[in-house]
Amino acid sequence: MTQGAQSTPRRARSPRGSGDQLRAEIVAAARSLMAEAPTAEAVSIRAVAAAVGVTAPSIYRHFADKQELITAVVVDVFEDLDEAMLAAAEGIDDPLERLFEFGLTYVRFALEHPDHYRLATMDLCPRPDVESILAEGAWVHFNSVVQECLDAGVFAGDGDDPALAITLDLWTAAHGLAAMLIVKPHLPWGDPDAVARRVLTAAAYGHTIRPGTWP
């Protein structure tokens, strides 16, 4: 090696059977780097490998390509969001109150983790596999409590899948507010929690109106 050249510090060889631990370290390092970068695409596999202390080929033993790694990071963020939502709504029996708590926690999570939220929901890089998120976690719990509201007669719905339509509406309201609070923080919002309560209340109670009765 020539004088002054630097090499990436190498981690000790992992013991047999520790592949899951290395995969988790790779996802954690990628998540940290991507949150700090202007876009996820700006982070290279080489940079992730250097942060973990392994070679780039070691990354490819766990992820087929960078797209798969980005997907894993997004799923990881949504898992954290789901845990926060469930913890916030624990012990709440009324489905509408639980739904409000889910929505408030969603907005709070975004504001507390703006870089990770941007990565998971606002980055424009393509993620064809992220649709799997809709089959588990936060989406399932949103959709489930909306169905409870429908079953209890709290929400009125029509169409082939009213729970899906209402969940998309409410998620759009929560995401839209969270995104605006993050990208336009200098607007005169007032207390973010109070704004979230107002917006989510309006979005939810709009679905208590029977179809066809809107003035």
N, C-alpha and C. Protein backbone atom coordinates (compact mmCIF):
# COMPACT_ATOMS: atom_id res chain seq x y z
N MET A 1 0.86 -1.20 0.00
CA MET A 1 0.00 0.00 0.00
C MET A 1 0.89 1.24 0.00
N THR A 2 0.58 2.22 -0.81
CA THR A 2 1.39 3.42 -0.89
C THR A 2 1.22 4.24 0.37
N GLN A 3 2.22 5.04 0.69
CA GLN A 3 2.17 5.88 1.86
C GLN A 3 1.00 6.85 1.79
N GLY A 4 0.26 6.94 2.88
CA GLY A 4 -0.86 7.87 2.95
C GLY A 4 -2.16 7.26 2.51
N ALA A 5 -2.10 6.07 1.86
CA ALA A 5 -3.35 5.44 1.43
C ALA A 5 -4.10 4.92 2.63
N GLN A 6 -5.41 4.96 2.57
CA GLN A 6 -6.24 4.53 3.68
C GLN A 6 -7.07 3.34 3.25
N SER A 7 -7.30 2.43 4.15
CA SER A 7 -8.14 1.28 3.88
C SER A 7 -9.33 1.30 4.82
N THR A 8 -10.40 0.68 4.39
CA THR A 8 -11.59 0.60 5.23
C THR A 8 -11.35 -0.36 6.37
N PRO A 9 -11.58 0.07 7.63
CA PRO A 9 -11.40 -0.85 8.74
C PRO A 9 -12.30 -2.07 8.56
N ARG A 10 -11.72 -3.24 8.71
CA ARG A 10 -12.48 -4.46 8.51
C ARG A 10 -12.93 -5.01 9.87
N ARG A 11 -14.15 -5.44 9.95
CA ARG A 11 -14.66 -6.07 11.15
C ARG A 11 -14.14 -7.49 11.22
N ALA A 12 -14.09 -8.01 12.42
CA ALA A 12 -13.65 -9.39 12.58
C ALA A 12 -14.64 -10.33 11.91
N ARG A 13 -14.14 -11.46 11.43
CA ARG A 13 -15.02 -12.42 10.78
C ARG A 13 -16.10 -12.87 11.76
N SER A 14 -17.35 -12.81 11.33
CA SER A 14 -18.46 -13.17 12.19
C SER A 14 -18.51 -14.68 12.40
N PRO A 15 -18.90 -15.12 13.58
CA PRO A 15 -19.02 -16.55 13.82
C PRO A 15 -20.12 -17.15 12.97
N ARG A 16 -20.03 -18.44 12.74
CA ARG A 16 -21.01 -19.14 11.93
C ARG A 16 -22.41 -18.95 12.53
N GLY A 17 -23.40 -18.67 11.67
CA GLY A 17 -24.76 -18.51 12.15
C GLY A 17 -25.13 -17.09 12.53
N SER A 18 -24.23 -16.14 12.29
CA SER A 18 -24.52 -14.76 12.70
C SER A 18 -24.97 -13.90 11.52
N GLY A 19 -25.43 -14.53 10.45
CA GLY A 19 -25.84 -13.78 9.26
C GLY A 19 -26.96 -12.80 9.53
N ASP A 20 -27.93 -13.18 10.38
CA ASP A 20 -29.05 -12.29 10.69
C ASP A 20 -28.56 -11.03 11.38
N GLN A 21 -27.55 -11.18 12.26
CA GLN A 21 -27.01 -10.02 12.95
C GLN A 21 -26.34 -9.07 11.97
N LEU A 22 -25.56 -9.62 11.05
CA LEU A 22 -24.89 -8.77 10.06
C LEU A 22 -25.92 -8.08 9.18
N ARG A 23 -26.96 -8.80 8.78
CA ARG A 23 -28.00 -8.18 7.96
C ARG A 23 -28.63 -7.00 8.69
N ALA A 24 -28.91 -7.18 10.00
CA ALA A 24 -29.49 -6.09 10.78
C ALA A 24 -28.54 -4.91 10.87
N GLU A 25 -27.24 -5.17 10.98
CA GLU A 25 -26.25 -4.09 11.03
C GLU A 25 -26.20 -3.35 9.71
N ILE A 26 -26.32 -4.08 8.62
CA ILE A 26 -26.31 -3.46 7.29
C ILE A 26 -27.53 -2.54 7.14
N VAL A 27 -28.70 -3.02 7.54
CA VAL A 27 -29.92 -2.21 7.43
C VAL A 27 -29.80 -0.97 8.31
N ALA A 28 -29.29 -1.13 9.53
CA ALA A 28 -29.15 0.01 10.44
C ALA A 28 -28.19 1.05 9.87
N ALA A 29 -27.06 0.60 9.31
CA ALA A 29 -26.10 1.53 8.73
C ALA A 29 -26.69 2.24 7.52
N ALA A 30 -27.38 1.49 6.66
CA ALA A 30 -28.00 2.10 5.48
C ALA A 30 -29.06 3.09 5.90
N ARG A 31 -29.84 2.75 6.90
CA ARG A 31 -30.89 3.65 7.37
C ARG A 31 -30.30 4.95 7.87
N SER A 32 -29.20 4.88 8.61
CA SER A 32 -28.56 6.09 9.13
C SER A 32 -28.00 6.94 8.00
N LEU A 33 -27.30 6.31 7.06
CA LEU A 33 -26.70 7.06 5.95
C LEU A 33 -27.76 7.67 5.04
N MET A 34 -28.82 6.92 4.76
CA MET A 34 -29.85 7.41 3.85
C MET A 34 -30.65 8.54 4.48
N ALA A 35 -30.79 8.52 5.80
CA ALA A 35 -31.51 9.60 6.47
C ALA A 35 -30.74 10.91 6.38
N GLU A 36 -29.42 10.82 6.34
CA GLU A 36 -28.58 12.02 6.30
C GLU A 36 -28.35 12.52 4.88
N ALA A 37 -28.56 11.65 3.89
CA ALA A 37 -28.30 12.01 2.50
C ALA A 37 -29.49 12.76 1.91
N PRO A 38 -29.28 13.53 0.83
CA PRO A 38 -30.40 14.25 0.20
C PRO A 38 -31.44 13.30 -0.37
N THR A 39 -31.00 12.14 -0.87
CA THR A 39 -31.92 11.10 -1.34
C THR A 39 -31.28 9.75 -1.03
N ALA A 40 -32.10 8.71 -1.01
CA ALA A 40 -31.56 7.37 -0.77
C ALA A 40 -30.59 6.97 -1.87
N GLU A 41 -30.86 7.42 -3.10
CA GLU A 41 -30.00 7.06 -4.22
C GLU A 41 -28.59 7.63 -4.08
N ALA A 42 -28.43 8.64 -3.23
CA ALA A 42 -27.12 9.25 -3.06
C ALA A 42 -26.17 8.40 -2.22
N VAL A 43 -26.69 7.39 -1.58
CA VAL A 43 -25.88 6.51 -0.72
C VAL A 43 -25.49 5.27 -1.52
N SER A 44 -24.21 5.00 -1.57
CA SER A 44 -23.71 3.87 -2.33
C SER A 44 -23.58 2.62 -1.46
N ILE A 45 -23.58 1.47 -2.11
CA ILE A 45 -23.33 0.21 -1.41
C ILE A 45 -21.96 0.25 -0.76
N ARG A 46 -21.00 0.85 -1.43
CA ARG A 46 -19.65 0.96 -0.88
C ARG A 46 -19.66 1.74 0.44
N ALA A 47 -20.46 2.82 0.50
CA ALA A 47 -20.53 3.62 1.72
C ALA A 47 -21.16 2.83 2.86
N VAL A 48 -22.18 2.06 2.54
CA VAL A 48 -22.82 1.23 3.56
C VAL A 48 -21.84 0.18 4.07
N ALA A 49 -21.12 -0.45 3.15
CA ALA A 49 -20.13 -1.46 3.53
C ALA A 49 -19.06 -0.86 4.45
N ALA A 50 -18.60 0.34 4.11
CA ALA A 50 -17.58 1.00 4.93
C ALA A 50 -18.10 1.29 6.33
N ALA A 51 -19.36 1.71 6.42
CA ALA A 51 -19.94 2.03 7.73
C ALA A 51 -20.06 0.79 8.61
N VAL A 52 -20.31 -0.36 7.98
CA VAL A 52 -20.45 -1.60 8.74
C VAL A 52 -19.09 -2.23 9.02
N GLY A 53 -18.12 -1.95 8.14
CA GLY A 53 -16.80 -2.53 8.29
C GLY A 53 -16.65 -3.84 7.54
N VAL A 54 -17.36 -3.96 6.42
CA VAL A 54 -17.26 -5.15 5.59
C VAL A 54 -16.98 -4.71 4.15
N THR A 55 -16.81 -5.67 3.27
CA THR A 55 -16.61 -5.36 1.87
C THR A 55 -17.95 -5.28 1.16
N ALA A 56 -17.99 -4.62 0.02
CA ALA A 56 -19.23 -4.51 -0.74
C ALA A 56 -19.82 -5.88 -1.10
N PRO A 57 -19.00 -6.86 -1.51
CA PRO A 57 -19.58 -8.18 -1.80
C PRO A 57 -20.33 -8.79 -0.61
N SER A 58 -19.93 -8.42 0.61
CA SER A 58 -20.63 -8.93 1.79
C SER A 58 -22.07 -8.42 1.84
N ILE A 59 -22.28 -7.20 1.35
CA ILE A 59 -23.64 -6.65 1.31
C ILE A 59 -24.50 -7.48 0.36
N TYR A 60 -23.91 -7.84 -0.79
CA TYR A 60 -24.68 -8.55 -1.80
C TYR A 60 -24.99 -10.00 -1.40
N ARG A 61 -24.35 -10.49 -0.35
CA ARG A 61 -24.73 -11.82 0.15
C ARG A 61 -26.07 -11.77 0.87
N HIS A 62 -26.48 -10.56 1.28
CA HIS A 62 -27.74 -10.40 2.02
C HIS A 62 -28.81 -9.68 1.20
N PHE A 63 -28.39 -8.88 0.22
CA PHE A 63 -29.33 -8.11 -0.59
C PHE A 63 -28.92 -8.23 -2.06
N ALA A 64 -29.87 -8.57 -2.90
CA ALA A 64 -29.57 -8.80 -4.31
C ALA A 64 -29.03 -7.54 -4.97
N ASP A 65 -29.55 -6.38 -4.57
CA ASP A 65 -29.11 -5.12 -5.15
C ASP A 65 -29.46 -3.98 -4.18
N LYS A 66 -29.13 -2.79 -4.59
CA LYS A 66 -29.39 -1.64 -3.72
C LYS A 66 -30.87 -1.42 -3.51
N GLN A 67 -31.66 -1.72 -4.54
CA GLN A 67 -33.10 -1.54 -4.41
C GLN A 67 -33.66 -2.40 -3.28
N GLU A 68 -33.18 -3.61 -3.17
CA GLU A 68 -33.64 -4.51 -2.11
C GLU A 68 -33.22 -3.99 -0.74
N LEU A 69 -32.04 -3.38 -0.65
CA LEU A 69 -31.58 -2.81 0.61
C LEU A 69 -32.44 -1.60 0.99
N ILE A 70 -32.77 -0.76 0.02
CA ILE A 70 -33.63 0.39 0.30
C ILE A 70 -34.99 -0.07 0.81
N THR A 71 -35.52 -1.11 0.18
CA THR A 71 -36.80 -1.65 0.61
C THR A 71 -36.72 -2.13 2.06
N ALA A 72 -35.64 -2.80 2.41
CA ALA A 72 -35.47 -3.29 3.78
C ALA A 72 -35.42 -2.13 4.77
N VAL A 73 -34.79 -1.03 4.38
CA VAL A 73 -34.73 0.14 5.26
C VAL A 73 -36.12 0.73 5.45
N VAL A 74 -36.88 0.85 4.37
CA VAL A 74 -38.23 1.40 4.46
C VAL A 74 -39.11 0.53 5.35
N VAL A 75 -39.03 -0.78 5.17
CA VAL A 75 -39.80 -1.69 6.01
C VAL A 75 -39.41 -1.53 7.47
N ASP A 76 -38.13 -1.34 7.74
CA ASP A 76 -37.64 -1.16 9.11
C ASP A 76 -38.25 0.09 9.74
N VAL A 77 -38.32 1.17 8.97
CA VAL A 77 -38.92 2.42 9.48
C VAL A 77 -40.39 2.20 9.79
N PHE A 78 -41.11 1.53 8.89
CA PHE A 78 -42.53 1.30 9.12
C PHE A 78 -42.78 0.38 10.30
N GLU A 79 -41.85 -0.54 10.57
CA GLU A 79 -42.00 -1.40 11.75
C GLU A 79 -41.89 -0.56 13.03
N ASP A 80 -40.98 0.40 13.04
CA ASP A 80 -40.87 1.30 14.20
C ASP A 80 -42.15 2.12 14.37
N LEU A 81 -42.70 2.60 13.26
CA LEU A 81 -43.94 3.36 13.30
C LEU A 81 -45.07 2.50 13.86
N ASP A 82 -45.15 1.27 13.41
CA ASP A 82 -46.21 0.37 13.86
C ASP A 82 -46.11 0.13 15.36
N GLU A 83 -44.91 -0.08 15.85
CA GLU A 83 -44.71 -0.30 17.29
C GLU A 83 -45.16 0.92 18.09
N ALA A 84 -44.83 2.10 17.58
CA ALA A 84 -45.22 3.34 18.28
C ALA A 84 -46.73 3.49 18.30
N MET A 85 -47.39 3.18 17.19
CA MET A 85 -48.85 3.28 17.12
C MET A 85 -49.53 2.33 18.10
N LEU A 86 -49.08 1.09 18.11
CA LEU A 86 -49.70 0.10 18.99
C LEU A 86 -49.49 0.46 20.46
N ALA A 87 -48.31 0.95 20.79
CA ALA A 87 -48.04 1.34 22.17
C ALA A 87 -48.93 2.51 22.60
N ALA A 88 -49.14 3.46 21.69
CA ALA A 88 -49.94 4.65 22.02
C ALA A 88 -51.40 4.30 22.22
N ALA A 89 -51.89 3.31 21.48
CA ALA A 89 -53.31 2.97 21.55
C ALA A 89 -53.62 1.81 22.49
N GLU A 90 -52.61 1.33 23.18
CA GLU A 90 -52.82 0.18 24.07
C GLU A 90 -53.84 0.52 25.16
N GLY A 91 -54.80 -0.36 25.35
CA GLY A 91 -55.80 -0.17 26.39
C GLY A 91 -56.99 0.67 25.99
N ILE A 92 -57.02 1.21 24.78
CA ILE A 92 -58.15 2.01 24.30
C ILE A 92 -59.14 1.08 23.60
N ASP A 93 -60.35 0.98 24.14
CA ASP A 93 -61.34 0.06 23.58
C ASP A 93 -62.16 0.67 22.45
N ASP A 94 -62.50 1.96 22.57
CA ASP A 94 -63.34 2.59 21.56
C ASP A 94 -62.57 2.69 20.24
N PRO A 95 -63.10 2.13 19.14
CA PRO A 95 -62.35 2.11 17.89
C PRO A 95 -62.05 3.50 17.31
N LEU A 96 -62.98 4.43 17.47
CA LEU A 96 -62.74 5.76 16.93
C LEU A 96 -61.63 6.47 17.71
N GLU A 97 -61.64 6.32 19.05
CA GLU A 97 -60.57 6.91 19.85
C GLU A 97 -59.22 6.26 19.52
N ARG A 98 -59.25 4.95 19.28
CA ARG A 98 -58.01 4.26 18.92
C ARG A 98 -57.51 4.73 17.56
N LEU A 99 -58.44 4.97 16.65
CA LEU A 99 -58.06 5.47 15.34
C LEU A 99 -57.42 6.85 15.43
N PHE A 100 -57.99 7.72 16.27
CA PHE A 100 -57.40 9.05 16.48
C PHE A 100 -55.98 8.92 17.03
N GLU A 101 -55.81 8.00 17.98
CA GLU A 101 -54.48 7.84 18.59
C GLU A 101 -53.48 7.32 17.56
N PHE A 102 -53.93 6.42 16.68
CA PHE A 102 -53.07 5.97 15.59
C PHE A 102 -52.64 7.15 14.72
N GLY A 103 -53.61 7.97 14.35
CA GLY A 103 -53.31 9.10 13.48
C GLY A 103 -52.38 10.11 14.12
N LEU A 104 -52.63 10.43 15.39
CA LEU A 104 -51.78 11.37 16.11
C LEU A 104 -50.36 10.83 16.24
N THR A 105 -50.26 9.54 16.54
CA THR A 105 -48.94 8.93 16.68
C THR A 105 -48.20 8.94 15.35
N TYR A 106 -48.93 8.73 14.27
CA TYR A 106 -48.33 8.77 12.93
C TYR A 106 -47.68 10.12 12.68
N VAL A 107 -48.43 11.20 12.95
CA VAL A 107 -47.90 12.54 12.71
C VAL A 107 -46.74 12.83 13.65
N ARG A 108 -46.87 12.45 14.92
CA ARG A 108 -45.79 12.67 15.88
C ARG A 108 -44.52 11.93 15.47
N PHE A 109 -44.68 10.69 15.02
CA PHE A 109 -43.53 9.89 14.59
C PHE A 109 -42.81 10.59 13.44
N ALA A 110 -43.58 11.09 12.48
CA ALA A 110 -42.98 11.78 11.34
C ALA A 110 -42.19 13.00 11.78
N LEU A 111 -42.74 13.77 12.72
CA LEU A 111 -42.06 14.98 13.17
C LEU A 111 -40.83 14.66 14.02
N GLU A 112 -40.89 13.56 14.74
CA GLU A 112 -39.75 13.17 15.58
C GLU A 112 -38.65 12.50 14.77
N HIS A 113 -38.99 11.95 13.60
CA HIS A 113 -38.02 11.27 12.73
C HIS A 113 -38.18 11.78 11.30
N PRO A 114 -38.00 13.08 11.09
CA PRO A 114 -38.29 13.64 9.76
C PRO A 114 -37.46 13.05 8.63
N ASP A 115 -36.18 12.76 8.90
CA ASP A 115 -35.34 12.21 7.83
C ASP A 115 -35.76 10.80 7.47
N HIS A 116 -36.05 9.99 8.47
CA HIS A 116 -36.50 8.64 8.20
C HIS A 116 -37.89 8.64 7.57
N TYR A 117 -38.73 9.57 7.98
CA TYR A 117 -40.07 9.64 7.39
C TYR A 117 -39.98 10.04 5.93
N ARG A 118 -39.11 10.98 5.65
CA ARG A 118 -38.91 11.38 4.25
C ARG A 118 -38.43 10.20 3.42
N LEU A 119 -37.49 9.44 3.96
CA LEU A 119 -36.97 8.29 3.25
C LEU A 119 -38.07 7.28 2.95
N ALA A 120 -38.93 7.03 3.95
CA ALA A 120 -39.94 5.98 3.82
C ALA A 120 -41.13 6.39 2.97
N THR A 121 -41.45 7.68 2.93
CA THR A 121 -42.72 8.07 2.29
C THR A 121 -42.61 9.19 1.27
N MET A 122 -41.50 9.91 1.24
CA MET A 122 -41.43 11.09 0.38
C MET A 122 -40.31 11.03 -0.66
N ASP A 123 -39.39 10.06 -0.54
CA ASP A 123 -38.31 9.92 -1.50
C ASP A 123 -38.89 9.39 -2.80
N LEU A 124 -38.46 9.94 -3.92
CA LEU A 124 -39.03 9.58 -5.21
C LEU A 124 -38.38 8.38 -5.87
N CYS A 125 -37.33 7.81 -5.26
CA CYS A 125 -36.69 6.67 -5.92
C CYS A 125 -37.65 5.49 -5.93
N PRO A 126 -37.65 4.70 -7.01
CA PRO A 126 -38.63 3.61 -7.14
C PRO A 126 -38.38 2.47 -6.15
N ARG A 127 -39.45 1.93 -5.60
CA ARG A 127 -39.34 0.78 -4.71
C ARG A 127 -40.46 -0.20 -5.06
N PRO A 128 -40.31 -1.02 -6.08
CA PRO A 128 -41.41 -1.88 -6.51
C PRO A 128 -41.86 -2.90 -5.48
N ASP A 129 -41.01 -3.21 -4.49
CA ASP A 129 -41.37 -4.23 -3.51
C ASP A 129 -42.02 -3.67 -2.26
N VAL A 130 -42.08 -2.37 -2.10
CA VAL A 130 -42.57 -1.79 -0.87
C VAL A 130 -44.07 -1.96 -0.70
N GLU A 131 -44.76 -2.37 -1.77
CA GLU A 131 -46.18 -2.65 -1.63
C GLU A 131 -46.44 -3.71 -0.57
N SER A 132 -45.40 -4.51 -0.25
CA SER A 132 -45.57 -5.53 0.78
C SER A 132 -45.87 -4.90 2.13
N ILE A 133 -45.50 -3.63 2.30
CA ILE A 133 -45.80 -2.92 3.55
C ILE A 133 -47.30 -2.89 3.80
N LEU A 134 -48.09 -2.81 2.72
CA LEU A 134 -49.53 -2.73 2.86
C LEU A 134 -50.15 -4.03 3.34
N ALA A 135 -49.35 -5.08 3.41
CA ALA A 135 -49.87 -6.38 3.85
C ALA A 135 -49.59 -6.64 5.33
N GLU A 136 -48.95 -5.70 6.00
CA GLU A 136 -48.61 -5.93 7.40
C GLU A 136 -48.39 -4.60 8.11
N GLY A 137 -48.22 -4.68 9.42
CA GLY A 137 -47.81 -3.52 10.20
C GLY A 137 -48.83 -2.41 10.29
N ALA A 138 -48.33 -1.18 10.17
CA ALA A 138 -49.14 0.01 10.41
C ALA A 138 -50.38 0.04 9.52
N TRP A 139 -50.23 -0.33 8.24
CA TRP A 139 -51.38 -0.30 7.35
C TRP A 139 -52.47 -1.24 7.85
N VAL A 140 -52.10 -2.44 8.24
CA VAL A 140 -53.07 -3.43 8.70
C VAL A 140 -53.82 -2.91 9.92
N HIS A 141 -53.11 -2.27 10.83
CA HIS A 141 -53.76 -1.79 12.05
C HIS A 141 -54.66 -0.58 11.77
N PHE A 142 -54.24 0.30 10.88
CA PHE A 142 -55.12 1.38 10.43
C PHE A 142 -56.41 0.80 9.85
N ASN A 143 -56.22 -0.12 8.90
CA ASN A 143 -57.35 -0.68 8.18
C ASN A 143 -58.28 -1.47 9.11
N SER A 144 -57.69 -2.18 10.06
CA SER A 144 -58.48 -2.99 10.98
C SER A 144 -59.38 -2.13 11.86
N VAL A 145 -58.84 -1.02 12.38
CA VAL A 145 -59.66 -0.19 13.26
C VAL A 145 -60.71 0.58 12.46
N VAL A 146 -60.41 0.90 11.20
CA VAL A 146 -61.43 1.50 10.34
C VAL A 146 -62.58 0.51 10.14
N GLN A 147 -62.25 -0.76 9.92
CA GLN A 147 -63.29 -1.78 9.77
C GLN A 147 -64.13 -1.90 11.03
N GLU A 148 -63.48 -1.77 12.20
CA GLU A 148 -64.21 -1.79 13.47
C GLU A 148 -65.21 -0.63 13.53
N CYS A 149 -64.78 0.53 13.06
CA CYS A 149 -65.68 1.69 13.06
C CYS A 149 -66.85 1.46 12.12
N LEU A 150 -66.61 0.81 11.00
CA LEU A 150 -67.69 0.48 10.07
C LEU A 150 -68.64 -0.53 10.70
N ASP A 151 -68.08 -1.55 11.33
CA ASP A 151 -68.91 -2.59 11.95
C ASP A 151 -69.76 -2.03 13.09
N ALA A 152 -69.21 -1.01 13.78
CA ALA A 152 -69.94 -0.42 14.90
C ALA A 152 -70.93 0.65 14.46
N GLY A 153 -70.96 0.95 13.15
CA GLY A 153 -71.87 1.97 12.65
C GLY A 153 -71.36 3.38 12.86
N VAL A 154 -70.10 3.52 13.26
CA VAL A 154 -69.52 4.86 13.44
C VAL A 154 -69.26 5.51 12.09
N PHE A 155 -68.73 4.71 11.15
CA PHE A 155 -68.47 5.20 9.81
C PHE A 155 -69.54 4.66 8.87
N ALA A 156 -69.88 5.48 7.88
CA ALA A 156 -70.75 5.03 6.80
C ALA A 156 -69.87 4.79 5.59
N GLY A 157 -70.11 3.70 4.89
CA GLY A 157 -69.29 3.42 3.72
C GLY A 157 -70.09 2.75 2.63
N ASP A 158 -69.65 2.92 1.41
CA ASP A 158 -70.26 2.21 0.29
C ASP A 158 -69.15 1.75 -0.64
N GLY A 159 -69.53 1.08 -1.70
CA GLY A 159 -68.54 0.56 -2.62
C GLY A 159 -68.12 -0.84 -2.24
N ASP A 160 -67.19 -1.40 -3.04
CA ASP A 160 -66.77 -2.78 -2.85
C ASP A 160 -65.95 -2.97 -1.58
N ASP A 161 -65.13 -1.99 -1.22
CA ASP A 161 -64.26 -2.13 -0.05
C ASP A 161 -64.20 -0.78 0.67
N PRO A 162 -65.25 -0.44 1.44
CA PRO A 162 -65.26 0.86 2.10
C PRO A 162 -64.12 1.04 3.10
N ALA A 163 -63.70 -0.03 3.76
CA ALA A 163 -62.60 0.09 4.73
C ALA A 163 -61.33 0.53 4.02
N LEU A 164 -61.06 -0.04 2.86
CA LEU A 164 -59.88 0.35 2.09
C LEU A 164 -59.95 1.82 1.70
N ALA A 165 -61.11 2.25 1.18
CA ALA A 165 -61.26 3.63 0.74
C ALA A 165 -61.07 4.61 1.90
N ILE A 166 -61.69 4.31 3.05
CA ILE A 166 -61.59 5.21 4.20
C ILE A 166 -60.17 5.23 4.75
N THR A 167 -59.53 4.06 4.80
CA THR A 167 -58.15 4.00 5.29
C THR A 167 -57.23 4.84 4.42
N LEU A 168 -57.41 4.75 3.10
CA LEU A 168 -56.60 5.57 2.20
C LEU A 168 -56.85 7.05 2.43
N ASP A 169 -58.12 7.43 2.64
CA ASP A 169 -58.45 8.83 2.90
C ASP A 169 -57.76 9.33 4.17
N LEU A 170 -57.87 8.55 5.24
CA LEU A 170 -57.32 9.00 6.52
C LEU A 170 -55.80 8.98 6.51
N TRP A 171 -55.22 7.99 5.83
CA TRP A 171 -53.76 7.96 5.73
C TRP A 171 -53.28 9.16 4.92
N THR A 172 -54.01 9.50 3.88
CA THR A 172 -53.64 10.67 3.08
C THR A 172 -53.68 11.94 3.93
N ALA A 173 -54.69 12.07 4.78
CA ALA A 173 -54.78 13.24 5.65
C ALA A 173 -53.61 13.30 6.61
N ALA A 174 -53.30 12.16 7.25
CA ALA A 174 -52.19 12.13 8.21
C ALA A 174 -50.86 12.40 7.51
N HIS A 175 -50.65 11.75 6.36
CA HIS A 175 -49.40 11.94 5.63
C HIS A 175 -49.27 13.36 5.10
N GLY A 176 -50.37 13.89 4.55
CA GLY A 176 -50.31 15.25 4.01
C GLY A 176 -49.94 16.26 5.06
N LEU A 177 -50.55 16.13 6.23
CA LEU A 177 -50.23 17.06 7.32
C LEU A 177 -48.78 16.87 7.76
N ALA A 178 -48.37 15.62 7.96
CA ALA A 178 -47.00 15.36 8.41
C ALA A 178 -45.99 15.93 7.41
N ALA A 179 -46.23 15.70 6.13
CA ALA A 179 -45.31 16.19 5.11
C ALA A 179 -45.24 17.72 5.10
N MET A 180 -46.38 18.37 5.22
CA MET A 180 -46.40 19.83 5.23
C MET A 180 -45.69 20.39 6.47
N LEU A 181 -45.90 19.76 7.61
CA LEU A 181 -45.23 20.23 8.83
C LEU A 181 -43.72 20.07 8.72
N ILE A 182 -43.28 19.06 7.98
CA ILE A 182 -41.85 18.82 7.83
C ILE A 182 -41.23 19.76 6.80
N VAL A 183 -41.87 19.90 5.64
CA VAL A 183 -41.25 20.69 4.55
C VAL A 183 -41.57 22.17 4.63
N LYS A 184 -42.63 22.54 5.38
CA LYS A 184 -43.00 23.95 5.53
C LYS A 184 -43.12 24.31 7.01
N PRO A 185 -42.05 24.12 7.77
CA PRO A 185 -42.14 24.32 9.23
C PRO A 185 -42.35 25.78 9.63
N HIS A 186 -42.07 26.72 8.73
CA HIS A 186 -42.15 28.14 9.10
C HIS A 186 -43.53 28.74 8.88
N LEU A 187 -44.46 27.96 8.34
CA LEU A 187 -45.83 28.46 8.23
C LEU A 187 -46.44 28.57 9.63
N PRO A 188 -47.42 29.44 9.80
CA PRO A 188 -47.98 29.67 11.15
C PRO A 188 -48.93 28.55 11.59
N TRP A 189 -48.38 27.36 11.80
CA TRP A 189 -49.19 26.21 12.14
C TRP A 189 -49.77 26.28 13.55
N GLY A 190 -49.04 26.89 14.46
CA GLY A 190 -49.41 26.79 15.86
C GLY A 190 -48.90 25.47 16.41
N ASP A 191 -49.52 24.99 17.46
CA ASP A 191 -49.09 23.74 18.09
C ASP A 191 -49.35 22.57 17.14
N PRO A 192 -48.31 21.81 16.75
CA PRO A 192 -48.50 20.71 15.80
C PRO A 192 -49.50 19.67 16.27
N ASP A 193 -49.52 19.40 17.56
CA ASP A 193 -50.44 18.40 18.08
C ASP A 193 -51.89 18.88 17.93
N ALA A 194 -52.11 20.16 18.19
CA ALA A 194 -53.46 20.71 18.05
C ALA A 194 -53.89 20.70 16.59
N VAL A 195 -52.97 21.02 15.70
CA VAL A 195 -53.28 20.99 14.27
C VAL A 195 -53.62 19.57 13.84
N ALA A 196 -52.84 18.61 14.31
CA ALA A 196 -53.08 17.21 13.94
C ALA A 196 -54.46 16.77 14.43
N ARG A 197 -54.82 17.13 15.64
CA ARG A 197 -56.13 16.76 16.17
C ARG A 197 -57.25 17.36 15.31
N ARG A 198 -57.08 18.61 14.91
CA ARG A 198 -58.12 19.28 14.12
C ARG A 198 -58.27 18.63 12.74
N VAL A 199 -57.15 18.40 12.07
CA VAL A 199 -57.18 17.83 10.72
C VAL A 199 -57.72 16.40 10.75
N LEU A 200 -57.24 15.61 11.68
CA LEU A 200 -57.68 14.22 11.75
C LEU A 200 -59.14 14.10 12.17
N THR A 201 -59.57 15.00 13.04
CA THR A 201 -60.98 15.00 13.43
C THR A 201 -61.86 15.29 12.23
N ALA A 202 -61.49 16.30 11.45
CA ALA A 202 -62.27 16.65 10.26
C ALA A 202 -62.30 15.49 9.27
N ALA A 203 -61.14 14.84 9.07
CA ALA A 203 -61.06 13.74 8.11
C ALA A 203 -61.90 12.55 8.57
N ALA A 204 -61.84 12.25 9.85
CA ALA A 204 -62.58 11.09 10.36
C ALA A 204 -64.07 11.34 10.40
N TYR A 205 -64.47 12.48 10.91
CA TYR A 205 -65.90 12.75 11.04
C TYR A 205 -66.57 12.97 9.70
N GLY A 206 -65.80 13.27 8.67
CA GLY A 206 -66.38 13.36 7.34
C GLY A 206 -66.97 12.03 6.89
N HIS A 207 -66.46 10.94 7.41
CA HIS A 207 -66.96 9.62 7.03
C HIS A 207 -68.13 9.16 7.89
N THR A 208 -68.54 9.98 8.84
CA THR A 208 -69.74 9.62 9.60
C THR A 208 -71.00 10.11 8.90
N ILE A 209 -70.84 10.91 7.84
CA ILE A 209 -71.98 11.41 7.07
C ILE A 209 -72.43 10.34 6.10
N ARG A 210 -73.69 10.06 6.07
CA ARG A 210 -74.19 9.02 5.16
C ARG A 210 -74.00 9.44 3.70
N PRO A 211 -73.61 8.51 2.84
CA PRO A 211 -73.43 8.86 1.42
C PRO A 211 -74.67 9.53 0.85
N GLY A 212 -74.44 10.62 0.12
CA GLY A 212 -75.54 11.31 -0.53
C GLY A 212 -76.16 12.40 0.29
N THR A 213 -75.70 12.62 1.55
CA THR A 213 -76.32 13.64 2.39
C THR A 213 -75.45 14.88 2.53
N TRP A 214 -74.30 14.91 1.83
CA TRP A 214 -73.44 16.09 1.92
C TRP A 214 -74.18 17.29 1.31
N PRO A 215 -74.21 18.42 2.01
CA PRO A 215 -74.98 19.57 1.51
C PRO A 215 -74.41 20.12 0.20
